[in-house]
Amino acid sequence: MFGNKKNNLPPRPHPLLPEQVLEDILNANKDDVVFIFNNKEESGGENLHYPMNTNDAESVYARLKIYLNVKESLKKLSGALSMKNESLQSANVEMQRMAEGIRKQAQDALVKQ
């Protein structure tokens, strides 16, 4: 019964090479939400995961500054996401009203015939 069905799906694309992924990341817009935290200008190009001197005041200050910037960015993104969520919910309610109105009109048209 189900064994005769042909697989009409195209073959999967090959995975991207690391160079292609890096190129995509580097060519992304600065306001792209996915890559917003990978801004080398804010981090000063340092490797903040493994700092050379963790007790150095400059290093601590740089990490704290980046942390606060990321926290502020997250607050802004959270607010924007909340506004978009509310907008989508109100649009959903309006679409449900419209769909109900169309159903009633269709039902009335069928009853009149």
PDB file of N, CA and C in Angstrom:
ATOM      1  N   MET A   1       0.818  -1.187   0.000  1.00  0.00           N
ATOM      2  CA  MET A   1       0.000   0.000   0.000  1.00  0.00           C
ATOM      3  C   MET A   1       0.863   1.252   0.000  1.00  0.00           C
ATOM      4  N   PHE A   2       1.796   1.353   0.937  1.00  0.00           N
ATOM      5  CA  PHE A   2       2.647   2.538   1.024  1.00  0.00           C
ATOM      6  C   PHE A   2       3.994   2.322   0.334  1.00  0.00           C
ATOM      7  N   GLY A   3       4.307   1.132  -0.060  1.00  0.00           N
ATOM      8  CA  GLY A   3       5.611   0.830  -0.635  1.00  0.00           C
ATOM      9  C   GLY A   3       5.780   1.328  -2.066  1.00  0.00           C
ATOM     10  N   ASN A   4       4.679   1.626  -2.778  1.00  0.00           N
ATOM     11  CA  ASN A   4       4.768   2.045  -4.172  1.00  0.00           C
ATOM     12  C   ASN A   4       5.007   3.535  -4.337  1.00  0.00           C
ATOM     13  N   LYS A   5       5.012   4.252  -3.270  1.00  0.00           N
ATOM     14  CA  LYS A   5       5.154   5.700  -3.349  1.00  0.00           C
ATOM     15  C   LYS A   5       6.593   6.049  -3.709  1.00  0.00           C
ATOM     16  N   LYS A   6       6.758   6.905  -4.743  1.00  0.00           N
ATOM     17  CA  LYS A   6       8.090   7.307  -5.170  1.00  0.00           C
ATOM     18  C   LYS A   6       8.578   8.465  -4.316  1.00  0.00           C
ATOM     19  N   ASN A   7       9.866   8.530  -4.131  1.00  0.00           N
ATOM     20  CA  ASN A   7      10.480   9.626  -3.393  1.00  0.00           C
ATOM     21  C   ASN A   7      10.787  10.746  -4.383  1.00  0.00           C
ATOM     22  N   ASN A   8       9.988  11.813  -4.363  1.00  0.00           N
ATOM     23  CA  ASN A   8      10.154  12.916  -5.298  1.00  0.00           C
ATOM     24  C   ASN A   8      10.992  14.051  -4.726  1.00  0.00           C
ATOM     25  N   LEU A   9      11.595  13.822  -3.590  1.00  0.00           N
ATOM     26  CA  LEU A   9      12.396  14.868  -2.976  1.00  0.00           C
ATOM     27  C   LEU A   9      13.746  14.993  -3.673  1.00  0.00           C
ATOM     28  N   PRO A  10      14.216  16.219  -3.860  1.00  0.00           N
ATOM     29  CA  PRO A  10      15.554  16.375  -4.447  1.00  0.00           C
ATOM     30  C   PRO A  10      16.603  15.927  -3.442  1.00  0.00           C
ATOM     31  N   PRO A  11      17.803  15.624  -3.907  1.00  0.00           N
ATOM     32  CA  PRO A  11      18.841  15.211  -2.954  1.00  0.00           C
ATOM     33  C   PRO A  11      19.216  16.364  -2.028  1.00  0.00           C
ATOM     34  N   ARG A  12      19.657  16.027  -0.850  1.00  0.00           N
ATOM     35  CA  ARG A  12      20.046  17.051   0.111  1.00  0.00           C
ATOM     36  C   ARG A  12      21.288  17.784  -0.386  1.00  0.00           C
ATOM     37  N   PRO A  13      21.360  19.080  -0.106  1.00  0.00           N
ATOM     38  CA  PRO A  13      22.574  19.801  -0.508  1.00  0.00           C
ATOM     39  C   PRO A  13      23.749  19.392   0.375  1.00  0.00           C
ATOM     40  N   HIS A  14      24.945  19.589  -0.155  1.00  0.00           N
ATOM     41  CA  HIS A  14      26.141  19.267   0.614  1.00  0.00           C
ATOM     42  C   HIS A  14      26.286  20.281   1.747  1.00  0.00           C
ATOM     43  N   PRO A  15      26.809  19.856   2.884  1.00  0.00           N
ATOM     44  CA  PRO A  15      27.012  20.811   3.992  1.00  0.00           C
ATOM     45  C   PRO A  15      28.013  21.886   3.570  1.00  0.00           C
ATOM     46  N   LEU A  16      27.830  23.068   4.142  1.00  0.00           N
ATOM     47  CA  LEU A  16      28.725  24.170   3.824  1.00  0.00           C
ATOM     48  C   LEU A  16      30.107  23.918   4.399  1.00  0.00           C
ATOM     49  N   LEU A  17      31.093  24.434   3.707  1.00  0.00           N
ATOM     50  CA  LEU A  17      32.457  24.380   4.213  1.00  0.00           C
ATOM     51  C   LEU A  17      32.623  25.450   5.284  1.00  0.00           C
ATOM     52  N   PRO A  18      33.538  25.252   6.222  1.00  0.00           N
ATOM     53  CA  PRO A  18      33.743  26.273   7.259  1.00  0.00           C
ATOM     54  C   PRO A  18      34.048  27.651   6.668  1.00  0.00           C
ATOM     55  N   GLU A  19      34.763  27.692   5.549  1.00  0.00           N
ATOM     56  CA  GLU A  19      35.079  28.972   4.918  1.00  0.00           C
ATOM     57  C   GLU A  19      33.805  29.673   4.439  1.00  0.00           C
ATOM     58  N   GLN A  20      32.853  28.902   3.921  1.00  0.00           N
ATOM     59  CA  GLN A  20      31.602  29.479   3.461  1.00  0.00           C
ATOM     60  C   GLN A  20      30.780  30.013   4.634  1.00  0.00           C
ATOM     61  N   VAL A  21      30.785  29.297   5.745  1.00  0.00           N
ATOM     62  CA  VAL A  21      30.054  29.751   6.931  1.00  0.00           C
ATOM     63  C   VAL A  21      30.659  31.050   7.439  1.00  0.00           C
ATOM     64  N   LEU A  22      31.998  31.092   7.528  1.00  0.00           N
ATOM     65  CA  LEU A  22      32.667  32.316   7.978  1.00  0.00           C
ATOM     66  C   LEU A  22      32.385  33.479   7.041  1.00  0.00           C
ATOM     67  N   GLU A  23      32.367  33.209   5.746  1.00  0.00           N
ATOM     68  CA  GLU A  23      32.066  34.261   4.776  1.00  0.00           C
ATOM     69  C   GLU A  23      30.648  34.799   4.988  1.00  0.00           C
ATOM     70  N   ASP A  24      29.688  33.910   5.229  1.00  0.00           N
ATOM     71  CA  ASP A  24      28.312  34.339   5.499  1.00  0.00           C
ATOM     72  C   ASP A  24      28.243  35.198   6.758  1.00  0.00           C
ATOM     73  N   ILE A  25      28.962  34.782   7.784  1.00  0.00           N
ATOM     74  CA  ILE A  25      28.936  35.537   9.038  1.00  0.00           C
ATOM     75  C   ILE A  25      29.553  36.915   8.847  1.00  0.00           C
ATOM     76  N   LEU A  26      30.671  36.967   8.151  1.00  0.00           N
ATOM     77  CA  LEU A  26      31.360  38.243   7.964  1.00  0.00           C
ATOM     78  C   LEU A  26      30.604  39.187   7.038  1.00  0.00           C
ATOM     79  N   ASN A  27      29.808  38.641   6.111  1.00  0.00           N
ATOM     80  CA  ASN A  27      29.055  39.474   5.170  1.00  0.00           C
ATOM     81  C   ASN A  27      27.662  39.834   5.672  1.00  0.00           C
ATOM     82  N   ALA A  28      27.308  39.378   6.862  1.00  0.00           N
ATOM     83  CA  ALA A  28      25.976  39.657   7.409  1.00  0.00           C
ATOM     84  C   ALA A  28      25.873  41.132   7.793  1.00  0.00           C
ATOM     85  N   ASN A  29      24.654  41.661   7.726  1.00  0.00           N
ATOM     86  CA  ASN A  29      24.411  43.035   8.157  1.00  0.00           C
ATOM     87  C   ASN A  29      24.629  43.148   9.650  1.00  0.00           C
ATOM     88  N   LYS A  30      25.035  44.339  10.096  1.00  0.00           N
ATOM     89  CA  LYS A  30      25.273  44.534  11.524  1.00  0.00           C
ATOM     90  C   LYS A  30      23.985  44.436  12.327  1.00  0.00           C
ATOM     91  N   ASP A  31      22.839  44.744  11.711  1.00  0.00           N
ATOM     92  CA  ASP A  31      21.580  44.704  12.443  1.00  0.00           C
ATOM     93  C   ASP A  31      20.897  43.342  12.355  1.00  0.00           C
ATOM     94  N   ASP A  32      21.560  42.360  11.776  1.00  0.00           N
ATOM     95  CA  ASP A  32      21.014  41.009  11.701  1.00  0.00           C
ATOM     96  C   ASP A  32      20.979  40.417  13.105  1.00  0.00           C
ATOM     97  N   VAL A  33      19.799  40.006  13.554  1.00  0.00           N
ATOM     98  CA  VAL A  33      19.618  39.537  14.925  1.00  0.00           C
ATOM     99  C   VAL A  33      20.470  38.300  15.214  1.00  0.00           C
ATOM    100  N   VAL A  34      20.641  37.461  14.247  1.00  0.00           N
ATOM    101  CA  VAL A  34      21.378  36.220  14.476  1.00  0.00           C
ATOM    102  C   VAL A  34      22.840  36.499  14.803  1.00  0.00           C
ATOM    103  N   PHE A  35      23.406  37.515  14.166  1.00  0.00           N
ATOM    104  CA  PHE A  35      24.828  37.772  14.322  1.00  0.00           C
ATOM    105  C   PHE A  35      25.121  39.018  15.143  1.00  0.00           C
ATOM    106  N   ILE A  36      24.163  39.514  15.887  1.00  0.00           N
ATOM    107  CA  ILE A  36      24.347  40.791  16.576  1.00  0.00           C
ATOM    108  C   ILE A  36      25.407  40.710  17.677  1.00  0.00           C
ATOM    109  N   PHE A  37      25.617  39.559  18.268  1.00  0.00           N
ATOM    110  CA  PHE A  37      26.572  39.453  19.357  1.00  0.00           C
ATOM    111  C   PHE A  37      27.964  39.077  18.875  1.00  0.00           C
ATOM    112  N   ASN A  38      28.150  38.878  17.591  1.00  0.00           N
ATOM    113  CA  ASN A  38      29.452  38.537  17.040  1.00  0.00           C
ATOM    114  C   ASN A  38      30.091  39.769  16.413  1.00  0.00           C
ATOM    115  N   ASN A  39      30.080  40.884  17.146  1.00  0.00           N
ATOM    116  CA  ASN A  39      30.615  42.136  16.645  1.00  0.00           C
ATOM    117  C   ASN A  39      32.030  42.299  17.162  1.00  0.00           C
ATOM    118  N   LYS A  40      33.035  42.145  16.295  1.00  0.00           N
ATOM    119  CA  LYS A  40      34.429  42.187  16.710  1.00  0.00           C
ATOM    120  C   LYS A  40      34.849  43.577  17.167  1.00  0.00           C
ATOM    121  N   GLU A  41      34.177  44.614  16.683  1.00  0.00           N
ATOM    122  CA  GLU A  41      34.552  45.963  17.081  1.00  0.00           C
ATOM    123  C   GLU A  41      34.289  46.187  18.568  1.00  0.00           C
ATOM    124  N   GLU A  42      33.211  45.611  19.095  1.00  0.00           N
ATOM    125  CA  GLU A  42      32.897  45.780  20.514  1.00  0.00           C
ATOM    126  C   GLU A  42      33.840  44.980  21.393  1.00  0.00           C
ATOM    127  N   SER A  43      34.267  43.821  20.929  1.00  0.00           N
ATOM    128  CA  SER A  43      35.120  42.982  21.763  1.00  0.00           C
ATOM    129  C   SER A  43      36.581  43.359  21.655  1.00  0.00           C
ATOM    130  N   GLY A  44      36.923  44.263  20.755  1.00  0.00           N
ATOM    131  CA  GLY A  44      38.308  44.664  20.599  1.00  0.00           C
ATOM    132  C   GLY A  44      39.159  43.578  19.968  1.00  0.00           C
ATOM    133  N   GLY A  45      38.538  42.568  19.386  1.00  0.00           N
ATOM    134  CA  GLY A  45      39.267  41.500  18.729  1.00  0.00           C
ATOM    135  C   GLY A  45      39.916  40.525  19.691  1.00  0.00           C
ATOM    136  N   GLU A  46      39.696  40.649  20.975  1.00  0.00           N
ATOM    137  CA  GLU A  46      40.299  39.756  21.954  1.00  0.00           C
ATOM    138  C   GLU A  46      39.496  38.472  22.060  1.00  0.00           C
ATOM    139  N   ASN A  47      40.159  37.447  22.520  1.00  0.00           N
ATOM    140  CA  ASN A  47      39.477  36.203  22.819  1.00  0.00           C
ATOM    141  C   ASN A  47      39.023  36.279  24.267  1.00  0.00           C
ATOM    142  N   LEU A  48      37.757  36.617  24.479  1.00  0.00           N
ATOM    143  CA  LEU A  48      37.266  36.860  25.831  1.00  0.00           C
ATOM    144  C   LEU A  48      36.980  35.574  26.600  1.00  0.00           C
ATOM    145  N   HIS A  49      36.973  34.443  25.909  1.00  0.00           N
ATOM    146  CA  HIS A  49      36.733  33.184  26.609  1.00  0.00           C
ATOM    147  C   HIS A  49      37.979  32.744  27.384  1.00  0.00           C
ATOM    148  N   TYR A  50      39.138  33.080  26.868  1.00  0.00           N
ATOM    149  CA  TYR A  50      40.395  32.680  27.492  1.00  0.00           C
ATOM    150  C   TYR A  50      41.342  33.888  27.577  1.00  0.00           C
ATOM    151  N   PRO A  51      41.026  34.847  28.433  1.00  0.00           N
ATOM    152  CA  PRO A  51      41.906  36.015  28.528  1.00  0.00           C
ATOM    153  C   PRO A  51      43.253  35.617  29.126  1.00  0.00           C
ATOM    154  N   MET A  52      44.284  36.325  28.723  1.00  0.00           N
ATOM    155  CA  MET A  52      45.627  36.008  29.196  1.00  0.00           C
ATOM    156  C   MET A  52      45.779  36.299  30.693  1.00  0.00           C
ATOM    157  N   ASN A  53      45.255  37.446  31.125  1.00  0.00           N
ATOM    158  CA  ASN A  53      45.378  37.811  32.536  1.00  0.00           C
ATOM    159  C   ASN A  53      43.984  38.173  33.035  1.00  0.00           C
ATOM    160  N   THR A  54      43.351  37.266  33.729  1.00  0.00           N
ATOM    161  CA  THR A  54      41.966  37.493  34.145  1.00  0.00           C
ATOM    162  C   THR A  54      41.846  38.526  35.251  1.00  0.00           C
ATOM    163  N   ASN A  55      42.911  38.822  35.954  1.00  0.00           N
ATOM    164  CA  ASN A  55      42.850  39.800  37.026  1.00  0.00           C
ATOM    165  C   ASN A  55      43.268  41.193  36.579  1.00  0.00           C
ATOM    166  N   ASP A  56      43.652  41.325  35.338  1.00  0.00           N
ATOM    167  CA  ASP A  56      44.049  42.620  34.814  1.00  0.00           C
ATOM    168  C   ASP A  56      42.823  43.537  34.785  1.00  0.00           C
ATOM    169  N   ALA A  57      42.980  44.760  35.295  1.00  0.00           N
ATOM    170  CA  ALA A  57      41.852  45.691  35.385  1.00  0.00           C
ATOM    171  C   ALA A  57      41.283  46.011  34.007  1.00  0.00           C
ATOM    172  N   GLU A  58      42.141  46.153  33.009  1.00  0.00           N
ATOM    173  CA  GLU A  58      41.666  46.455  31.651  1.00  0.00           C
ATOM    174  C   GLU A  58      40.844  45.293  31.098  1.00  0.00           C
ATOM    175  N   SER A  59      41.303  44.085  31.348  1.00  0.00           N
ATOM    176  CA  SER A  59      40.595  42.904  30.868  1.00  0.00           C
ATOM    177  C   SER A  59      39.231  42.783  31.543  1.00  0.00           C
ATOM    178  N   VAL A  60      39.206  42.989  32.847  1.00  0.00           N
ATOM    179  CA  VAL A  60      37.946  42.913  33.588  1.00  0.00           C
ATOM    180  C   VAL A  60      36.990  43.992  33.110  1.00  0.00           C
ATOM    181  N   TYR A  61      37.516  45.202  32.907  1.00  0.00           N
ATOM    182  CA  TYR A  61      36.688  46.314  32.430  1.00  0.00           C
ATOM    183  C   TYR A  61      36.133  46.008  31.035  1.00  0.00           C
ATOM    184  N   ALA A  62      36.976  45.485  30.153  1.00  0.00           N
ATOM    185  CA  ALA A  62      36.525  45.171  28.793  1.00  0.00           C
ATOM    186  C   ALA A  62      35.429  44.113  28.820  1.00  0.00           C
ATOM    187  N   ARG A  63      35.607  43.078  29.631  1.00  0.00           N
ATOM    188  CA  ARG A  63      34.581  42.031  29.716  1.00  0.00           C
ATOM    189  C   ARG A  63      33.286  42.570  30.314  1.00  0.00           C
ATOM    190  N   LEU A  64      33.419  43.425  31.332  1.00  0.00           N
ATOM    191  CA  LEU A  64      32.231  44.013  31.950  1.00  0.00           C
ATOM    192  C   LEU A  64      31.493  44.912  30.965  1.00  0.00           C
ATOM    193  N   LYS A  65      32.231  45.691  30.198  1.00  0.00           N
ATOM    194  CA  LYS A  65      31.627  46.574  29.207  1.00  0.00           C
ATOM    195  C   LYS A  65      30.867  45.763  28.152  1.00  0.00           C
ATOM    196  N   ILE A  66      31.470  44.690  27.697  1.00  0.00           N
ATOM    197  CA  ILE A  66      30.806  43.835  26.705  1.00  0.00           C
ATOM    198  C   ILE A  66      29.570  43.183  27.314  1.00  0.00           C
ATOM    199  N   TYR A  67      29.682  42.727  28.547  1.00  0.00           N
ATOM    200  CA  TYR A  67      28.536  42.119  29.229  1.00  0.00           C
ATOM    201  C   TYR A  67      27.375  43.103  29.317  1.00  0.00           C
ATOM    202  N   LEU A  68      27.675  44.340  29.718  1.00  0.00           N
ATOM    203  CA  LEU A  68      26.617  45.337  29.843  1.00  0.00           C
ATOM    204  C   LEU A  68      26.015  45.685  28.482  1.00  0.00           C
ATOM    205  N   ASN A  69      26.847  45.748  27.443  1.00  0.00           N
ATOM    206  CA  ASN A  69      26.334  46.017  26.098  1.00  0.00           C
ATOM    207  C   ASN A  69      25.415  44.891  25.624  1.00  0.00           C
ATOM    208  N   VAL A  70      25.830  43.665  25.896  1.00  0.00           N
ATOM    209  CA  VAL A  70      25.012  42.518  25.498  1.00  0.00           C
ATOM    210  C   VAL A  70      23.699  42.511  26.280  1.00  0.00           C
ATOM    211  N   LYS A  71      23.778  42.834  27.570  1.00  0.00           N
ATOM    212  CA  LYS A  71      22.570  42.864  28.394  1.00  0.00           C
ATOM    213  C   LYS A  71      21.604  43.931  27.885  1.00  0.00           C
ATOM    214  N   GLU A  72      22.123  45.103  27.547  1.00  0.00           N
ATOM    215  CA  GLU A  72      21.277  46.172  26.995  1.00  0.00           C
ATOM    216  C   GLU A  72      20.667  45.764  25.661  1.00  0.00           C
ATOM    217  N   SER A  73      21.474  45.103  24.831  1.00  0.00           N
ATOM    218  CA  SER A  73      20.957  44.627  23.544  1.00  0.00           C
ATOM    219  C   SER A  73      19.846  43.610  23.746  1.00  0.00           C
ATOM    220  N   LEU A  74      20.021  42.729  24.723  1.00  0.00           N
ATOM    221  CA  LEU A  74      18.988  41.733  25.006  1.00  0.00           C
ATOM    222  C   LEU A  74      17.697  42.391  25.487  1.00  0.00           C
ATOM    223  N   LYS A  75      17.819  43.451  26.296  1.00  0.00           N
ATOM    224  CA  LYS A  75      16.621  44.164  26.738  1.00  0.00           C
ATOM    225  C   LYS A  75      15.887  44.770  25.551  1.00  0.00           C
ATOM    226  N   LYS A  76      16.648  45.396  24.640  1.00  0.00           N
ATOM    227  CA  LYS A  76      16.028  46.003  23.458  1.00  0.00           C
ATOM    228  C   LYS A  76      15.368  44.942  22.590  1.00  0.00           C
ATOM    229  N   LEU A  77      16.076  43.824  22.379  1.00  0.00           N
ATOM    230  CA  LEU A  77      15.510  42.751  21.564  1.00  0.00           C
ATOM    231  C   LEU A  77      14.278  42.148  22.223  1.00  0.00           C
ATOM    232  N   SER A  78      14.308  42.030  23.544  1.00  0.00           N
ATOM    233  CA  SER A  78      13.152  41.493  24.269  1.00  0.00           C
ATOM    234  C   SER A  78      11.947  42.408  24.099  1.00  0.00           C
ATOM    235  N   GLY A  79      12.173  43.719  24.201  1.00  0.00           N
ATOM    236  CA  GLY A  79      11.074  44.668  23.997  1.00  0.00           C
ATOM    237  C   GLY A  79      10.521  44.606  22.588  1.00  0.00           C
ATOM    238  N   ALA A  80      11.423  44.547  21.598  1.00  0.00           N
ATOM    239  CA  ALA A  80      10.978  44.456  20.205  1.00  0.00           C
ATOM    240  C   ALA A  80      10.213  43.161  19.973  1.00  0.00           C
ATOM    241  N   LEU A  81      10.698  42.073  20.558  1.00  0.00           N
ATOM    242  CA  LEU A  81      10.028  40.786  20.404  1.00  0.00           C
ATOM    243  C   LEU A  81       8.652  40.802  21.052  1.00  0.00           C
ATOM    244  N   SER A  82       8.534  41.443  22.204  1.00  0.00           N
ATOM    245  CA  SER A  82       7.232  41.546  22.874  1.00  0.00           C
ATOM    246  C   SER A  82       6.242  42.336  22.032  1.00  0.00           C
ATOM    247  N   MET A  83       6.712  43.448  21.444  1.00  0.00           N
ATOM    248  CA  MET A  83       5.825  44.248  20.598  1.00  0.00           C
ATOM    249  C   MET A  83       5.380  43.459  19.371  1.00  0.00           C
ATOM    250  N   LYS A  84       6.313  42.724  18.755  1.00  0.00           N
ATOM    251  CA  LYS A  84       5.950  41.926  17.580  1.00  0.00           C
ATOM    252  C   LYS A  84       4.995  40.797  17.961  1.00  0.00           C
ATOM    253  N   ASN A  85       5.191  40.219  19.138  1.00  0.00           N
ATOM    254  CA  ASN A  85       4.312  39.161  19.612  1.00  0.00           C
ATOM    255  C   ASN A  85       2.896  39.693  19.810  1.00  0.00           C
ATOM    256  N   GLU A  86       2.779  40.867  20.430  1.00  0.00           N
ATOM    257  CA  GLU A  86       1.462  41.474  20.629  1.00  0.00           C
ATOM    258  C   GLU A  86       0.812  41.784  19.289  1.00  0.00           C
ATOM    259  N   SER A  87       1.601  42.273  18.352  1.00  0.00           N
ATOM    260  CA  SER A  87       1.077  42.580  17.023  1.00  0.00           C
ATOM    261  C   SER A  87       0.563  41.315  16.337  1.00  0.00           C
ATOM    262  N   LEU A  88       1.328  40.236  16.441  1.00  0.00           N
ATOM    263  CA  LEU A  88       0.893  38.972  15.834  1.00  0.00           C
ATOM    264  C   LEU A  88      -0.365  38.431  16.492  1.00  0.00           C
ATOM    265  N   GLN A  89      -0.458  38.557  17.811  1.00  0.00           N
ATOM    266  CA  GLN A  89      -1.643  38.075  18.503  1.00  0.00           C
ATOM    267  C   GLN A  89      -2.877  38.868  18.108  1.00  0.00           C
ATOM    268  N   SER A  90      -2.730  40.192  17.987  1.00  0.00           N
ATOM    269  CA  SER A  90      -3.884  40.989  17.575  1.00  0.00           C
ATOM    270  C   SER A  90      -4.267  40.691  16.128  1.00  0.00           C
ATOM    271  N   ALA A  91      -3.277  40.457  15.270  1.00  0.00           N
ATOM    272  CA  ALA A  91      -3.564  40.089  13.882  1.00  0.00           C
ATOM    273  C   ALA A  91      -4.266  38.731  13.825  1.00  0.00           C
ATOM    274  N   ASN A  92      -3.867  37.802  14.693  1.00  0.00           N
ATOM    275  CA  ASN A  92      -4.502  36.493  14.741  1.00  0.00           C
ATOM    276  C   ASN A  92      -5.965  36.619  15.151  1.00  0.00           C
ATOM    277  N   VAL A  93      -6.240  37.449  16.151  1.00  0.00           N
ATOM    278  CA  VAL A  93      -7.621  37.648  16.599  1.00  0.00           C
ATOM    279  C   VAL A  93      -8.448  38.250  15.466  1.00  0.00           C
ATOM    280  N   GLU A  94      -7.878  39.236  14.784  1.00  0.00           N
ATOM    281  CA  GLU A  94      -8.596  39.874  13.672  1.00  0.00           C
ATOM    282  C   GLU A  94      -8.859  38.883  12.535  1.00  0.00           C
ATOM    283  N   MET A  95      -7.873  38.035  12.240  1.00  0.00           N
ATOM    284  CA  MET A  95      -8.071  37.035  11.182  1.00  0.00           C
ATOM    285  C   MET A  95      -9.144  36.031  11.579  1.00  0.00           C
ATOM    286  N   GLN A  96      -9.195  35.656  12.843  1.00  0.00           N
ATOM    287  CA  GLN A  96     -10.231  34.728  13.287  1.00  0.00           C
ATOM    288  C   GLN A  96     -11.606  35.362  13.157  1.00  0.00           C
ATOM    289  N   ARG A  97     -11.702  36.646  13.480  1.00  0.00           N
ATOM    290  CA  ARG A  97     -12.989  37.351  13.305  1.00  0.00           C
ATOM    291  C   ARG A  97     -13.390  37.375  11.835  1.00  0.00           C
ATOM    292  N   MET A  98     -12.431  37.696  10.979  1.00  0.00           N
ATOM    293  CA  MET A  98     -12.719  37.751   9.549  1.00  0.00           C
ATOM    294  C   MET A  98     -13.136  36.374   9.029  1.00  0.00           C
ATOM    295  N   ALA A  99     -12.449  35.322   9.477  1.00  0.00           N
ATOM    296  CA  ALA A  99     -12.777  33.966   9.031  1.00  0.00           C
ATOM    297  C   ALA A  99     -14.180  33.587   9.488  1.00  0.00           C
ATOM    298  N   GLU A 100     -14.524  33.954  10.709  1.00  0.00           N
ATOM    299  CA  GLU A 100     -15.873  33.662  11.210  1.00  0.00           C
ATOM    300  C   GLU A 100     -16.924  34.422  10.400  1.00  0.00           C
ATOM    301  N   GLY A 101     -16.632  35.677  10.064  1.00  0.00           N
ATOM    302  CA  GLY A 101     -17.550  36.452   9.233  1.00  0.00           C
ATOM    303  C   GLY A 101     -17.735  35.838   7.865  1.00  0.00           C
ATOM    304  N   ILE A 102     -16.643  35.355   7.276  1.00  0.00           N
ATOM    305  CA  ILE A 102     -16.730  34.711   5.958  1.00  0.00           C
ATOM    306  C   ILE A 102     -17.530  33.418   6.058  1.00  0.00           C
ATOM    307  N   ARG A 103     -17.319  32.656   7.132  1.00  0.00           N
ATOM    308  CA  ARG A 103     -18.084  31.419   7.317  1.00  0.00           C
ATOM    309  C   ARG A 103     -19.585  31.710   7.421  1.00  0.00           C
ATOM    310  N   LYS A 104     -19.925  32.753   8.181  1.00  0.00           N
ATOM    311  CA  LYS A 104     -21.338  33.120   8.324  1.00  0.00           C
ATOM    312  C   LYS A 104     -21.925  33.556   6.987  1.00  0.00           C
ATOM    313  N   GLN A 105     -21.173  34.341   6.229  1.00  0.00           N
ATOM    314  CA  GLN A 105     -21.652  34.771   4.906  1.00  0.00           C
ATOM    315  C   GLN A 105     -21.845  33.588   3.987  1.00  0.00           C
ATOM    316  N   ALA A 106     -20.903  32.634   4.011  1.00  0.00           N
ATOM    317  CA  ALA A 106     -21.009  31.452   3.158  1.00  0.00           C
ATOM    318  C   ALA A 106     -22.216  30.610   3.593  1.00  0.00           C
ATOM    319  N   GLN A 107     -22.393  30.455   4.886  1.00  0.00           N
ATOM    320  CA  GLN A 107     -23.524  29.683   5.385  1.00  0.00           C
ATOM    321  C   GLN A 107     -24.842  30.353   5.006  1.00  0.00           C
ATOM    322  N   ASP A 108     -24.931  31.679   5.134  1.00  0.00           N
ATOM    323  CA  ASP A 108     -26.140  32.416   4.745  1.00  0.00           C
ATOM    324  C   ASP A 108     -26.417  32.269   3.258  1.00  0.00           C
ATOM    325  N   ALA A 109     -25.331  32.284   2.452  1.00  0.00           N
ATOM    326  CA  ALA A 109     -25.509  32.159   1.007  1.00  0.00           C
ATOM    327  C   ALA A 109     -26.021  30.757   0.652  1.00  0.00           C
ATOM    328  N   LEU A 110     -25.545  29.752   1.363  1.00  0.00           N
ATOM    329  CA  LEU A 110     -25.997  28.391   1.116  1.00  0.00           C
ATOM    330  C   LEU A 110     -27.442  28.193   1.563  1.00  0.00           C
ATOM    331  N   VAL A 111     -27.823  28.826   2.653  1.00  0.00           N
ATOM    332  CA  VAL A 111     -29.182  28.702   3.166  1.00  0.00           C
ATOM    333  C   VAL A 111     -30.169  29.372   2.206  1.00  0.00           C
ATOM    334  N   LYS A 112     -29.815  30.505   1.628  1.00  0.00           N
ATOM    335  CA  LYS A 112     -30.693  31.238   0.722  1.00  0.00           C
ATOM    336  C   LYS A 112     -30.945  30.484  -0.584  1.00  0.00           C
ATOM    337  N   GLN A 113     -30.035  29.616  -0.950  1.00  0.00           N
ATOM    338  CA  GLN A 113     -30.224  28.897  -2.216  1.00  0.00           C
ATOM    339  C   GLN A 113     -31.200  27.825  -2.065  1.00  0.00           C
TER     340      GLN A 113
END
